[in-house]
Every structure is written in structure tokens, then in C-alpha cells.
Amino acid sequence: MDADYTPVSDGLLGALRGMNTKVEVNSPALFADVVWRLGQMESPPLRLPVGPDSETFLEAAYDARRSEYDQVVKAGHHIVA
């Protein structure tokens, strides 16, 4: 691997490896249960974050997207002149 990418790749790989030790985040039983329930649904969602911390990440993503939207509308960037 190119040394220029080491600062990014080391951090990313370290975070991914660290997930293996966090059973509360990476619970195979939880994931299996969610997959089973999705399989029983008539119209399952296309994407579904899984895990006890997923709501926190979804709220943060939603808030960031809403903030971006509000800034664009306020600035009028969505209107073609």
C-alpha cells in the first residue's frame, strides 16, 4: 500500500478491527434476528441500519442533511435565475 494512504487507511482499518471486540455493536444474534424479521415483511426497506447505536447515527445524518437543505433554501441556491 502506498505510504501516502497510511494515515487514512490505518485509522479506518483500526476502527473496523475494533468493531470485532464490541459485541454490543456487532452482535450476530441481533443481526440474525433483524434479517429474519425483514424476511417476514411484505415490503421490507431497501436499507436498514442495525444495532443499538444506529438511531444516533441516523439522527445525526438526518440533522446534517436537514441543515444543508435549510442553508440551500435560505440562500436561494435551488432557484434557477
Protein backbone atom coordinates (compact mmCIF):
# COMPACT_ATOMS: atom_id res chain seq x y z
CA MET A 1 0.00 0.00 0.00
CA ASP A 2 1.20 3.49 -0.82
CA ALA A 3 2.61 5.29 2.23
CA ASP A 4 0.57 8.39 1.36
CA TYR A 5 -2.60 6.49 2.28
CA THR A 6 -1.30 5.14 5.60
CA PRO A 7 -2.75 7.92 7.81
CA VAL A 8 -6.23 7.28 6.45
CA SER A 9 -6.06 3.52 5.99
CA ASP A 10 -4.56 2.84 9.43
CA GLY A 11 -7.33 4.76 11.15
CA LEU A 12 -10.07 3.12 9.10
CA LEU A 13 -8.66 -0.38 9.48
CA GLY A 14 -8.15 0.17 13.20
CA ALA A 15 -11.77 1.27 13.62
CA LEU A 16 -13.05 -1.71 11.66
CA ARG A 17 -10.91 -4.13 13.66
CA GLY A 18 -12.10 -2.52 16.87
CA MET A 19 -15.71 -3.30 15.96
CA ASN A 20 -14.96 -7.00 16.29
CA THR A 21 -14.37 -6.59 20.01
CA LYS A 22 -17.58 -4.66 20.66
CA VAL A 23 -20.24 -7.34 20.96
CA GLU A 24 -22.90 -4.76 21.78
CA VAL A 25 -22.33 -3.12 18.38
CA ASN A 26 -21.52 -6.21 16.36
CA SER A 27 -23.99 -8.75 17.72
CA PRO A 28 -24.51 -11.67 15.33
CA ALA A 29 -27.68 -12.63 17.22
CA LEU A 30 -29.15 -9.14 16.78
CA PHE A 31 -28.27 -9.10 13.09
CA ALA A 32 -29.77 -12.56 12.53
CA ASP A 33 -32.98 -11.52 14.29
CA VAL A 34 -33.28 -8.38 12.16
CA VAL A 35 -32.67 -10.32 8.93
CA TRP A 36 -35.30 -12.87 9.97
CA ARG A 37 -37.88 -10.15 10.70
CA LEU A 38 -37.09 -8.38 7.42
CA GLY A 39 -37.62 -11.65 5.58
CA GLN A 40 -41.12 -11.88 7.06
CA MET A 41 -42.12 -8.40 5.88
CA GLU A 42 -44.24 -7.97 2.77
CA SER A 43 -42.36 -4.78 1.76
CA PRO A 44 -39.04 -4.61 3.63
CA PRO A 45 -36.99 -1.42 3.48
CA LEU A 46 -34.16 -1.28 0.97
CA ARG A 47 -31.66 -0.29 3.66
CA LEU A 48 -31.83 -0.72 7.41
CA PRO A 49 -29.07 0.23 9.84
CA VAL A 50 -28.76 -2.39 12.55
CA GLY A 51 -27.57 -2.01 16.12
CA PRO A 52 -28.33 -0.21 19.32
CA ASP A 53 -26.37 2.87 18.21
CA SER A 54 -27.90 3.11 14.74
CA GLU A 55 -30.60 5.57 15.83
CA THR A 56 -27.95 8.03 16.99
CA PHE A 57 -26.15 7.85 13.64
CA LEU A 58 -29.41 8.14 11.69
CA GLU A 59 -30.44 11.23 13.66
CA ALA A 60 -27.04 12.85 13.08
CA ALA A 61 -27.22 12.12 9.35
CA TYR A 62 -30.77 13.46 9.18
CA ASP A 63 -29.84 16.62 11.09
CA ALA A 64 -26.85 17.26 8.81
CA ARG A 65 -28.93 16.77 5.68
CA ARG A 66 -31.73 18.98 7.04
CA SER A 67 -29.23 21.71 7.91
CA GLU A 68 -27.75 21.56 4.41
CA TYR A 69 -31.22 21.75 2.89
CA ASP A 70 -32.14 24.75 5.05
CA GLN A 71 -28.94 26.57 4.04
CA VAL A 72 -29.55 25.96 0.34
CA VAL A 73 -33.16 27.16 0.53
CA LYS A 74 -32.26 30.20 2.63
CA ALA A 75 -29.51 31.19 0.18
CA GLY A 76 -31.78 30.62 -2.81
CA HIS A 77 -29.35 28.20 -4.50
CA HIS A 78 -32.22 25.96 -5.52
CA ILE A 79 -33.76 28.60 -7.76
CA VAL A 80 -32.57 28.93 -11.35
CA ALA A 81 -32.45 32.56 -12.38
